[in-house]
Amino acid sequence: MKFLIISKMKDVFALLPVEQQKQVIEGMIDFVDKYRKEGSCKEIYNISSIKGSASIWEMESAERAATLLLENPGSPYQDYEMFILSNFDTLIREQKKKYDRQLIFK
């Protein structure tokens, strides 16, 4: 399953001492690098207007995706939104089939 995860830094992060901010950021970089190499993190983009990022992950379940976020060293300083993604072409094809079936019965 693919997931879109939007993460936003909480304002409390800015209140941390600079050295602690650096440690958290380094941990977050290591976290993302680990899962990029593993192949679970497919893409990640910075969104400067929200002080956060958008990333695409491939995981076996929603539960695994949710627990994965807890492994992120930045997790206490971030808010997350997670969305399950579906293949657009497959979805549209299935919707078309359903409409075609409804037209047959009219």
PDB file of N, CA and C in Angstrom:
ATOM      1  N   MET A   1       0.836  -1.167   0.000  1.00  0.00           N
ATOM      2  CA  MET A   1       0.000   0.000   0.000  1.00  0.00           C
ATOM      3  C   MET A   1       0.891   1.243   0.000  1.00  0.00           C
ATOM      4  N   LYS A   2       0.430   2.249  -0.710  1.00  0.00           N
ATOM      5  CA  LYS A   2       1.163   3.515  -0.727  1.00  0.00           C
ATOM      6  C   LYS A   2       0.458   4.530   0.164  1.00  0.00           C
ATOM      7  N   PHE A   3       1.278   5.357   0.804  1.00  0.00           N
ATOM      8  CA  PHE A   3       0.771   6.374   1.709  1.00  0.00           C
ATOM      9  C   PHE A   3       1.431   7.707   1.405  1.00  0.00           C
ATOM     10  N   LEU A   4       0.628   8.752   1.490  1.00  0.00           N
ATOM     11  CA  LEU A   4       1.141  10.119   1.452  1.00  0.00           C
ATOM     12  C   LEU A   4       1.162  10.590   2.898  1.00  0.00           C
ATOM     13  N   ILE A   5       2.334  11.012   3.358  1.00  0.00           N
ATOM     14  CA  ILE A   5       2.459  11.499   4.730  1.00  0.00           C
ATOM     15  C   ILE A   5       2.921  12.949   4.681  1.00  0.00           C
ATOM     16  N   ILE A   6       2.105  13.809   5.264  1.00  0.00           N
ATOM     17  CA  ILE A   6       2.437  15.228   5.388  1.00  0.00           C
ATOM     18  C   ILE A   6       2.893  15.434   6.831  1.00  0.00           C
ATOM     19  N   SER A   7       4.089  15.952   7.009  1.00  0.00           N
ATOM     20  CA  SER A   7       4.577  16.222   8.361  1.00  0.00           C
ATOM     21  C   SER A   7       4.861  17.710   8.498  1.00  0.00           C
ATOM     22  N   LYS A   8       4.464  18.248   9.642  1.00  0.00           N
ATOM     23  CA  LYS A   8       4.654  19.678   9.919  1.00  0.00           C
ATOM     24  C   LYS A   8       5.373  19.816  11.246  1.00  0.00           C
ATOM     25  N   MET A   9       6.413  20.637  11.274  1.00  0.00           N
ATOM     26  CA  MET A   9       7.145  20.876  12.513  1.00  0.00           C
ATOM     27  C   MET A   9       6.280  21.711  13.454  1.00  0.00           C
ATOM     28  N   LYS A  10       6.229  21.288  14.711  1.00  0.00           N
ATOM     29  CA  LYS A  10       5.518  22.047  15.728  1.00  0.00           C
ATOM     30  C   LYS A  10       6.377  23.247  16.134  1.00  0.00           C
ATOM     31  N   ASP A  11       5.722  24.294  16.585  1.00  0.00           N
ATOM     32  CA  ASP A  11       6.443  25.493  17.013  1.00  0.00           C
ATOM     33  C   ASP A  11       7.385  25.216  18.179  1.00  0.00           C
ATOM     34  N   VAL A  12       7.070  24.222  18.995  1.00  0.00           N
ATOM     35  CA  VAL A  12       7.895  23.901  20.155  1.00  0.00           C
ATOM     36  C   VAL A  12       9.326  23.504  19.746  1.00  0.00           C
ATOM     37  N   PHE A  13       9.488  23.004  18.526  1.00  0.00           N
ATOM     38  CA  PHE A  13      10.822  22.628  18.043  1.00  0.00           C
ATOM     39  C   PHE A  13      11.767  23.825  18.078  1.00  0.00           C
ATOM     40  N   ALA A  14      11.255  24.996  17.723  1.00  0.00           N
ATOM     41  CA  ALA A  14      12.081  26.207  17.692  1.00  0.00           C
ATOM     42  C   ALA A  14      12.528  26.631  19.089  1.00  0.00           C
ATOM     43  N   LEU A  15      11.858  26.127  20.126  1.00  0.00           N
ATOM     44  CA  LEU A  15      12.214  26.482  21.500  1.00  0.00           C
ATOM     45  C   LEU A  15      13.326  25.608  22.068  1.00  0.00           C
ATOM     46  N   LEU A  16      13.651  24.531  21.351  1.00  0.00           N
ATOM     47  CA  LEU A  16      14.731  23.653  21.814  1.00  0.00           C
ATOM     48  C   LEU A  16      16.077  24.359  21.670  1.00  0.00           C
ATOM     49  N   PRO A  17      17.048  24.007  22.525  1.00  0.00           N
ATOM     50  CA  PRO A  17      18.399  24.526  22.323  1.00  0.00           C
ATOM     51  C   PRO A  17      18.919  24.104  20.948  1.00  0.00           C
ATOM     52  N   VAL A  18      19.740  24.934  20.347  1.00  0.00           N
ATOM     53  CA  VAL A  18      20.236  24.685  18.984  1.00  0.00           C
ATOM     54  C   VAL A  18      20.904  23.318  18.872  1.00  0.00           C
ATOM     55  N   GLU A  19      21.676  22.931  19.863  1.00  0.00           N
ATOM     56  CA  GLU A  19      22.352  21.632  19.811  1.00  0.00           C
ATOM     57  C   GLU A  19      21.345  20.482  19.780  1.00  0.00           C
ATOM     58  N   GLN A  20      20.272  20.614  20.532  1.00  0.00           N
ATOM     59  CA  GLN A  20      19.237  19.576  20.531  1.00  0.00           C
ATOM     60  C   GLN A  20      18.487  19.570  19.195  1.00  0.00           C
ATOM     61  N   GLN A  21      18.229  20.740  18.630  1.00  0.00           N
ATOM     62  CA  GLN A  21      17.602  20.810  17.301  1.00  0.00           C
ATOM     63  C   GLN A  21      18.472  20.073  16.290  1.00  0.00           C
ATOM     64  N   LYS A  22      19.776  20.311  16.360  1.00  0.00           N
ATOM     65  CA  LYS A  22      20.720  19.661  15.435  1.00  0.00           C
ATOM     66  C   LYS A  22      20.656  18.141  15.578  1.00  0.00           C
ATOM     67  N   GLN A  23      20.609  17.643  16.821  1.00  0.00           N
ATOM     68  CA  GLN A  23      20.533  16.199  17.050  1.00  0.00           C
ATOM     69  C   GLN A  23      19.243  15.610  16.481  1.00  0.00           C
ATOM     70  N   VAL A  24      18.143  16.308  16.679  1.00  0.00           N
ATOM     71  CA  VAL A  24      16.854  15.832  16.162  1.00  0.00           C
ATOM     72  C   VAL A  24      16.882  15.793  14.638  1.00  0.00           C
ATOM     73  N   ILE A  25      17.375  16.855  14.013  1.00  0.00           N
ATOM     74  CA  ILE A  25      17.441  16.914  12.544  1.00  0.00           C
ATOM     75  C   ILE A  25      18.342  15.812  12.003  1.00  0.00           C
ATOM     76  N   GLU A  26      19.494  15.592  12.624  1.00  0.00           N
ATOM     77  CA  GLU A  26      20.393  14.512  12.183  1.00  0.00           C
ATOM     78  C   GLU A  26      19.712  13.154  12.315  1.00  0.00           C
ATOM     79  N   GLY A  27      18.960  12.956  13.409  1.00  0.00           N
ATOM     80  CA  GLY A  27      18.217  11.706  13.577  1.00  0.00           C
ATOM     81  C   GLY A  27      17.150  11.529  12.509  1.00  0.00           C
ATOM     82  N   MET A  28      16.490  12.622  12.158  1.00  0.00           N
ATOM     83  CA  MET A  28      15.465  12.564  11.118  1.00  0.00           C
ATOM     84  C   MET A  28      16.089  12.229   9.757  1.00  0.00           C
ATOM     85  N   ILE A  29      17.241  12.802   9.476  1.00  0.00           N
ATOM     86  CA  ILE A  29      17.939  12.514   8.218  1.00  0.00           C
ATOM     87  C   ILE A  29      18.322  11.039   8.159  1.00  0.00           C
ATOM     88  N   ASP A  30      18.871  10.516   9.253  1.00  0.00           N
ATOM     89  CA  ASP A  30      19.242   9.096   9.303  1.00  0.00           C
ATOM     90  C   ASP A  30      18.026   8.202   9.131  1.00  0.00           C
ATOM     91  N   PHE A  31      16.913   8.584   9.752  1.00  0.00           N
ATOM     92  CA  PHE A  31      15.666   7.827   9.649  1.00  0.00           C
ATOM     93  C   PHE A  31      15.209   7.730   8.191  1.00  0.00           C
ATOM     94  N   VAL A  32      15.157   8.878   7.520  1.00  0.00           N
ATOM     95  CA  VAL A  32      14.710   8.897   6.120  1.00  0.00           C
ATOM     96  C   VAL A  32      15.697   8.135   5.231  1.00  0.00           C
ATOM     97  N   ASP A  33      16.992   8.339   5.442  1.00  0.00           N
ATOM     98  CA  ASP A  33      17.999   7.626   4.642  1.00  0.00           C
ATOM     99  C   ASP A  33      17.862   6.112   4.783  1.00  0.00           C
ATOM    100  N   LYS A  34      17.630   5.646   6.003  1.00  0.00           N
ATOM    101  CA  LYS A  34      17.461   4.205   6.247  1.00  0.00           C
ATOM    102  C   LYS A  34      16.311   3.643   5.413  1.00  0.00           C
ATOM    103  N   TYR A  35      15.178   4.339   5.428  1.00  0.00           N
ATOM    104  CA  TYR A  35      14.008   3.824   4.721  1.00  0.00           C
ATOM    105  C   TYR A  35      14.045   4.096   3.222  1.00  0.00           C
ATOM    106  N   ARG A  36      14.827   5.071   2.797  1.00  0.00           N
ATOM    107  CA  ARG A  36      15.047   5.242   1.359  1.00  0.00           C
ATOM    108  C   ARG A  36      15.855   4.068   0.820  1.00  0.00           C
ATOM    109  N   LYS A  37      16.929   3.711   1.538  1.00  0.00           N
ATOM    110  CA  LYS A  37      17.763   2.575   1.119  1.00  0.00           C
ATOM    111  C   LYS A  37      16.978   1.279   1.126  1.00  0.00           C
ATOM    112  N   GLU A  38      16.107   1.122   2.115  1.00  0.00           N
ATOM    113  CA  GLU A  38      15.267  -0.065   2.219  1.00  0.00           C
ATOM    114  C   GLU A  38      14.217  -0.107   1.111  1.00  0.00           C
ATOM    115  N   GLY A  39      13.858   1.066   0.584  1.00  0.00           N
ATOM    116  CA  GLY A  39      12.868   1.143  -0.480  1.00  0.00           C
ATOM    117  C   GLY A  39      11.471   1.500  -0.010  1.00  0.00           C
ATOM    118  N   SER A  40      11.289   1.708   1.293  1.00  0.00           N
ATOM    119  CA  SER A  40       9.958   2.057   1.813  1.00  0.00           C
ATOM    120  C   SER A  40       9.610   3.520   1.563  1.00  0.00           C
ATOM    121  N   CYS A  41      10.590   4.400   1.699  1.00  0.00           N
ATOM    122  CA  CYS A  41      10.373   5.825   1.427  1.00  0.00           C
ATOM    123  C   CYS A  41      10.680   6.059  -0.046  1.00  0.00           C
ATOM    124  N   LYS A  42       9.647   6.273  -0.818  1.00  0.00           N
ATOM    125  CA  LYS A  42       9.804   6.409  -2.266  1.00  0.00           C
ATOM    126  C   LYS A  42      10.235   7.809  -2.684  1.00  0.00           C
ATOM    127  N   GLU A  43       9.599   8.824  -2.086  1.00  0.00           N
ATOM    128  CA  GLU A  43       9.899  10.212  -2.440  1.00  0.00           C
ATOM    129  C   GLU A  43       9.648  11.079  -1.224  1.00  0.00           C
ATOM    130  N   ILE A  44      10.384  12.183  -1.152  1.00  0.00           N
ATOM    131  CA  ILE A  44      10.154  13.137  -0.074  1.00  0.00           C
ATOM    132  C   ILE A  44      10.440  14.536  -0.597  1.00  0.00           C
ATOM    133  N   TYR A  45       9.555  15.464  -0.254  1.00  0.00           N
ATOM    134  CA  TYR A  45       9.673  16.839  -0.729  1.00  0.00           C
ATOM    135  C   TYR A  45       9.501  17.795   0.442  1.00  0.00           C
ATOM    136  N   ASN A  46      10.269  18.855   0.439  1.00  0.00           N
ATOM    137  CA  ASN A  46      10.128  19.914   1.425  1.00  0.00           C
ATOM    138  C   ASN A  46       8.965  20.819   1.030  1.00  0.00           C
ATOM    139  N   ILE A  47       8.189  21.253   2.014  1.00  0.00           N
ATOM    140  CA  ILE A  47       7.127  22.232   1.783  1.00  0.00           C
ATOM    141  C   ILE A  47       7.421  23.395   2.720  1.00  0.00           C
ATOM    142  N   SER A  48       8.124  24.378   2.227  1.00  0.00           N
ATOM    143  CA  SER A  48       8.600  25.458   3.086  1.00  0.00           C
ATOM    144  C   SER A  48       7.461  26.285   3.679  1.00  0.00           C
ATOM    145  N   SER A  49       6.346  26.404   2.994  1.00  0.00           N
ATOM    146  CA  SER A  49       5.243  27.229   3.491  1.00  0.00           C
ATOM    147  C   SER A  49       4.578  26.655   4.742  1.00  0.00           C
ATOM    148  N   ILE A  50       4.782  25.360   5.011  1.00  0.00           N
ATOM    149  CA  ILE A  50       4.205  24.764   6.223  1.00  0.00           C
ATOM    150  C   ILE A  50       5.285  24.288   7.194  1.00  0.00           C
ATOM    151  N   LYS A  51       6.536  24.577   6.904  1.00  0.00           N
ATOM    152  CA  LYS A  51       7.653  24.081   7.720  1.00  0.00           C
ATOM    153  C   LYS A  51       7.562  22.574   7.867  1.00  0.00           C
ATOM    154  N   GLY A  52       7.467  21.899   6.737  1.00  0.00           N
ATOM    155  CA  GLY A  52       7.318  20.451   6.792  1.00  0.00           C
ATOM    156  C   GLY A  52       7.647  19.788   5.480  1.00  0.00           C
ATOM    157  N   SER A  53       7.137  18.566   5.330  1.00  0.00           N
ATOM    158  CA  SER A  53       7.441  17.788   4.138  1.00  0.00           C
ATOM    159  C   SER A  53       6.251  16.929   3.739  1.00  0.00           C
ATOM    160  N   ALA A  54       6.308  16.477   2.505  1.00  0.00           N
ATOM    161  CA  ALA A  54       5.360  15.496   1.975  1.00  0.00           C
ATOM    162  C   ALA A  54       6.187  14.333   1.479  1.00  0.00           C
ATOM    163  N   SER A  55       5.778  13.135   1.835  1.00  0.00           N
ATOM    164  CA  SER A  55       6.549  11.963   1.422  1.00  0.00           C
ATOM    165  C   SER A  55       5.607  10.847   0.996  1.00  0.00           C
ATOM    166  N   ILE A  56       6.110  10.015   0.097  1.00  0.00           N
ATOM    167  CA  ILE A  56       5.378   8.844  -0.379  1.00  0.00           C
ATOM    168  C   ILE A  56       6.086   7.617   0.177  1.00  0.00           C
ATOM    169  N   TRP A  57       5.324   6.764   0.840  1.00  0.00           N
ATOM    170  CA  TRP A  57       5.861   5.555   1.456  1.00  0.00           C
ATOM    171  C   TRP A  57       5.121   4.346   0.920  1.00  0.00           C
ATOM    172  N   GLU A  58       5.812   3.235   0.822  1.00  0.00           N
ATOM    173  CA  GLU A  58       5.175   1.966   0.462  1.00  0.00           C
ATOM    174  C   GLU A  58       5.348   1.035   1.650  1.00  0.00           C
ATOM    175  N   MET A  59       4.217   0.676   2.262  1.00  0.00           N
ATOM    176  CA  MET A  59       4.213  -0.172   3.456  1.00  0.00           C
ATOM    177  C   MET A  59       3.183  -1.277   3.273  1.00  0.00           C
ATOM    178  N   GLU A  60       3.329  -2.354   4.048  1.00  0.00           N
ATOM    179  CA  GLU A  60       2.417  -3.488   3.913  1.00  0.00           C
ATOM    180  C   GLU A  60       1.040  -3.228   4.541  1.00  0.00           C
ATOM    181  N   SER A  61       0.949  -2.263   5.452  1.00  0.00           N
ATOM    182  CA  SER A  61      -0.339  -1.990   6.092  1.00  0.00           C
ATOM    183  C   SER A  61      -0.357  -0.575   6.668  1.00  0.00           C
ATOM    184  N   ALA A  62      -1.556  -0.104   6.968  1.00  0.00           N
ATOM    185  CA  ALA A  62      -1.703   1.204   7.600  1.00  0.00           C
ATOM    186  C   ALA A  62      -1.125   1.179   9.008  1.00  0.00           C
ATOM    187  N   GLU A  63      -1.248   0.036   9.678  1.00  0.00           N
ATOM    188  CA  GLU A  63      -0.688  -0.084  11.023  1.00  0.00           C
ATOM    189  C   GLU A  63       0.830   0.057  10.997  1.00  0.00           C
ATOM    190  N   ARG A  64       1.464  -0.549  10.016  1.00  0.00           N
ATOM    191  CA  ARG A  64       2.926  -0.438   9.900  1.00  0.00           C
ATOM    192  C   ARG A  64       3.326   1.001   9.593  1.00  0.00           C
ATOM    193  N   ALA A  65       2.575   1.655   8.742  1.00  0.00           N
ATOM    194  CA  ALA A  65       2.869   3.059   8.416  1.00  0.00           C
ATOM    195  C   ALA A  65       2.734   3.937   9.656  1.00  0.00           C
ATOM    196  N   ALA A  66       1.719   3.690  10.459  1.00  0.00           N
ATOM    197  CA  ALA A  66       1.512   4.489  11.664  1.00  0.00           C
ATOM    198  C   ALA A  66       2.613   4.244  12.691  1.00  0.00           C
ATOM    199  N   THR A  67       3.004   2.992  12.880  1.00  0.00           N
ATOM    200  CA  THR A  67       4.065   2.700  13.854  1.00  0.00           C
ATOM    201  C   THR A  67       5.415   3.197  13.358  1.00  0.00           C
ATOM    202  N   LEU A  68       5.590   3.233  12.066  1.00  0.00           N
ATOM    203  CA  LEU A  68       6.837   3.740  11.496  1.00  0.00           C
ATOM    204  C   LEU A  68       7.072   5.188  11.924  1.00  0.00           C
ATOM    205  N   LEU A  69       6.005   5.972  11.960  1.00  0.00           N
ATOM    206  CA  LEU A  69       6.136   7.377  12.343  1.00  0.00           C
ATOM    207  C   LEU A  69       6.676   7.525  13.760  1.00  0.00           C
ATOM    208  N   LEU A  70       6.373   6.568  14.618  1.00  0.00           N
ATOM    209  CA  LEU A  70       6.862   6.623  15.994  1.00  0.00           C
ATOM    210  C   LEU A  70       8.365   6.395  16.085  1.00  0.00           C
ATOM    211  N   GLU A  71       8.938   5.744  15.076  1.00  0.00           N
ATOM    212  CA  GLU A  71      10.386   5.509  15.043  1.00  0.00           C
ATOM    213  C   GLU A  71      11.161   6.777  14.686  1.00  0.00           C
ATOM    214  N   ASN A  72      10.496   7.729  14.086  1.00  0.00           N
ATOM    215  CA  ASN A  72      11.148   8.964  13.658  1.00  0.00           C
ATOM    216  C   ASN A  72      11.565   9.769  14.892  1.00  0.00           C
ATOM    217  N   PRO A  73      12.859  10.082  15.038  1.00  0.00           N
ATOM    218  CA  PRO A  73      13.312  10.871  16.188  1.00  0.00           C
ATOM    219  C   PRO A  73      12.657  12.254  16.256  1.00  0.00           C
ATOM    220  N   GLY A  74      12.140  12.735  15.160  1.00  0.00           N
ATOM    221  CA  GLY A  74      11.466  14.033  15.148  1.00  0.00           C
ATOM    222  C   GLY A  74       9.994  13.952  15.504  1.00  0.00           C
ATOM    223  N   SER A  75       9.490  12.754  15.700  1.00  0.00           N
ATOM    224  CA  SER A  75       8.066  12.548  15.940  1.00  0.00           C
ATOM    225  C   SER A  75       7.477  13.415  17.061  1.00  0.00           C
ATOM    226  N   PRO A  76       8.165  13.586  18.199  1.00  0.00           N
ATOM    227  CA  PRO A  76       7.579  14.436  19.251  1.00  0.00           C
ATOM    228  C   PRO A  76       7.430  15.904  18.836  1.00  0.00           C
ATOM    229  N   TYR A  77       8.116  16.294  17.785  1.00  0.00           N
ATOM    230  CA  TYR A  77       8.122  17.698  17.351  1.00  0.00           C
ATOM    231  C   TYR A  77       7.386  17.897  16.036  1.00  0.00           C
ATOM    232  N   GLN A  78       6.630  16.882  15.598  1.00  0.00           N
ATOM    233  CA  GLN A  78       5.924  16.970  14.325  1.00  0.00           C
ATOM    234  C   GLN A  78       4.471  16.550  14.478  1.00  0.00           C
ATOM    235  N   ASP A  79       3.615  17.136  13.639  1.00  0.00           N
ATOM    236  CA  ASP A  79       2.241  16.679  13.460  1.00  0.00           C
ATOM    237  C   ASP A  79       2.184  15.988  12.109  1.00  0.00           C
ATOM    238  N   TYR A  80       1.405  14.913  12.029  1.00  0.00           N
ATOM    239  CA  TYR A  80       1.319  14.132  10.796  1.00  0.00           C
ATOM    240  C   TYR A  80      -0.107  14.061  10.278  1.00  0.00           C
ATOM    241  N   GLU A  81      -0.211  14.009   8.969  1.00  0.00           N
ATOM    242  CA  GLU A  81      -1.442  13.634   8.283  1.00  0.00           C
ATOM    243  C   GLU A  81      -1.052  12.497   7.350  1.00  0.00           C
ATOM    244  N   MET A  82      -1.812  11.410   7.377  1.00  0.00           N
ATOM    245  CA  MET A  82      -1.484  10.256   6.548  1.00  0.00           C
ATOM    246  C   MET A  82      -2.693   9.879   5.695  1.00  0.00           C
ATOM    247  N   PHE A  83      -2.444   9.664   4.419  1.00  0.00           N
ATOM    248  CA  PHE A  83      -3.495   9.310   3.469  1.00  0.00           C
ATOM    249  C   PHE A  83      -3.090   8.056   2.699  1.00  0.00           C
ATOM    250  N   ILE A  84      -4.022   7.103   2.595  1.00  0.00           N
ATOM    251  CA  ILE A  84      -3.780   5.929   1.759  1.00  0.00           C
ATOM    252  C   ILE A  84      -3.993   6.352   0.307  1.00  0.00           C
ATOM    253  N   LEU A  85      -3.073   5.974  -0.556  1.00  0.00           N
ATOM    254  CA  LEU A  85      -3.169   6.328  -1.970  1.00  0.00           C
ATOM    255  C   LEU A  85      -3.615   5.125  -2.785  1.00  0.00           C
ATOM    256  N   SER A  86      -4.392   5.384  -3.812  1.00  0.00           N
ATOM    257  CA  SER A  86      -4.778   4.323  -4.739  1.00  0.00           C
ATOM    258  C   SER A  86      -4.382   4.753  -6.149  1.00  0.00           C
ATOM    259  N   ASN A  87      -4.218   3.779  -6.999  1.00  0.00           N
ATOM    260  CA  ASN A  87      -3.821   4.049  -8.375  1.00  0.00           C
ATOM    261  C   ASN A  87      -4.980   4.721  -9.110  1.00  0.00           C
ATOM    262  N   PHE A  88      -4.735   5.906  -9.630  1.00  0.00           N
ATOM    263  CA  PHE A  88      -5.788   6.693 -10.270  1.00  0.00           C
ATOM    264  C   PHE A  88      -6.358   5.971 -11.489  1.00  0.00           C
ATOM    265  N   ASP A  89      -5.512   5.436 -12.362  1.00  0.00           N
ATOM    266  CA  ASP A  89      -5.990   4.770 -13.578  1.00  0.00           C
ATOM    267  C   ASP A  89      -6.874   3.568 -13.248  1.00  0.00           C
ATOM    268  N   THR A  90      -6.467   2.775 -12.261  1.00  0.00           N
ATOM    269  CA  THR A  90      -7.259   1.612 -11.865  1.00  0.00           C
ATOM    270  C   THR A  90      -8.608   2.047 -11.312  1.00  0.00           C
ATOM    271  N   LEU A  91      -8.607   3.062 -10.471  1.00  0.00           N
ATOM    272  CA  LEU A  91      -9.846   3.560  -9.884  1.00  0.00           C
ATOM    273  C   LEU A  91     -10.809   4.059 -10.961  1.00  0.00           C
ATOM    274  N   ILE A  92     -10.309   4.848 -11.901  1.00  0.00           N
ATOM    275  CA  ILE A  92     -11.158   5.393 -12.965  1.00  0.00           C
ATOM    276  C   ILE A  92     -11.721   4.274 -13.842  1.00  0.00           C
ATOM    277  N   ARG A  93     -10.896   3.276 -14.146  1.00  0.00           N
ATOM    278  CA  ARG A  93     -11.361   2.132 -14.945  1.00  0.00           C
ATOM    279  C   ARG A  93     -12.507   1.405 -14.228  1.00  0.00           C
ATOM    280  N   GLU A  94     -12.347   1.186 -12.917  1.00  0.00           N
ATOM    281  CA  GLU A  94     -13.385   0.503 -12.138  1.00  0.00           C
ATOM    282  C   GLU A  94     -14.658   1.337 -12.069  1.00  0.00           C
ATOM    283  N   GLN A  95     -14.526   2.629 -11.904  1.00  0.00           N
ATOM    284  CA  GLN A  95     -15.703   3.490 -11.870  1.00  0.00           C
ATOM    285  C   GLN A  95     -16.429   3.455 -13.213  1.00  0.00           C
ATOM    286  N   LYS A  96     -15.685   3.474 -14.296  1.00  0.00           N
ATOM    287  CA  LYS A  96     -16.292   3.417 -15.629  1.00  0.00           C
ATOM    288  C   LYS A  96     -17.071   2.115 -15.803  1.00  0.00           C
ATOM    289  N   LYS A  97     -16.493   0.999 -15.352  1.00  0.00           N
ATOM    290  CA  LYS A  97     -17.185  -0.289 -15.451  1.00  0.00           C
ATOM    291  C   LYS A  97     -18.512  -0.252 -14.684  1.00  0.00           C
ATOM    292  N   LYS A  98     -18.497   0.342 -13.503  1.00  0.00           N
ATOM    293  CA  LYS A  98     -19.726   0.415 -12.703  1.00  0.00           C
ATOM    294  C   LYS A  98     -20.779   1.268 -13.393  1.00  0.00           C
ATOM    295  N   TYR A  99     -20.373   2.388 -13.978  1.00  0.00           N
ATOM    296  CA  TYR A  99     -21.325   3.226 -14.709  1.00  0.00           C
ATOM    297  C   TYR A  99     -21.867   2.488 -15.928  1.00  0.00           C
ATOM    298  N   ASP A 100     -20.991   1.774 -16.633  1.00  0.00           N
ATOM    299  CA  ASP A 100     -21.440   1.011 -17.796  1.00  0.00           C
ATOM    300  C   ASP A 100     -22.460  -0.050 -17.393  1.00  0.00           C
ATOM    301  N   ARG A 101     -22.240  -0.730 -16.262  1.00  0.00           N
ATOM    302  CA  ARG A 101     -23.187  -1.736 -15.786  1.00  0.00           C
ATOM    303  C   ARG A 101     -24.533  -1.105 -15.416  1.00  0.00           C
ATOM    304  N   GLN A 102     -24.493   0.086 -14.812  1.00  0.00           N
ATOM    305  CA  GLN A 102     -25.737   0.758 -14.452  1.00  0.00           C
ATOM    306  C   GLN A 102     -26.523   1.151 -15.697  1.00  0.00           C
ATOM    307  N   LEU A 103     -25.827   1.565 -16.751  1.00  0.00           N
ATOM    308  CA  LEU A 103     -26.510   1.959 -17.991  1.00  0.00           C
ATOM    309  C   LEU A 103     -27.168   0.757 -18.662  1.00  0.00           C
ATOM    310  N   ILE A 104     -26.578  -0.421 -18.523  1.00  0.00           N
ATOM    311  CA  ILE A 104     -27.144  -1.632 -19.123  1.00  0.00           C
ATOM    312  C   ILE A 104     -28.487  -1.959 -18.500  1.00  0.00           C
ATOM    313  N   PHE A 105     -28.643  -1.719 -17.213  1.00  0.00           N
ATOM    314  CA  PHE A 105     -29.865  -2.100 -16.489  1.00  0.00           C
ATOM    315  C   PHE A 105     -30.969  -1.044 -16.611  1.00  0.00           C
ATOM    316  N   LYS A 106     -30.746   0.026 -17.287  1.00  0.00           N
ATOM    317  CA  LYS A 106     -31.788   1.046 -17.438  1.00  0.00           C
ATOM    318  C   LYS A 106     -32.675   0.749 -18.595  1.00  0.00           C
TER     319      LYS A 106
END
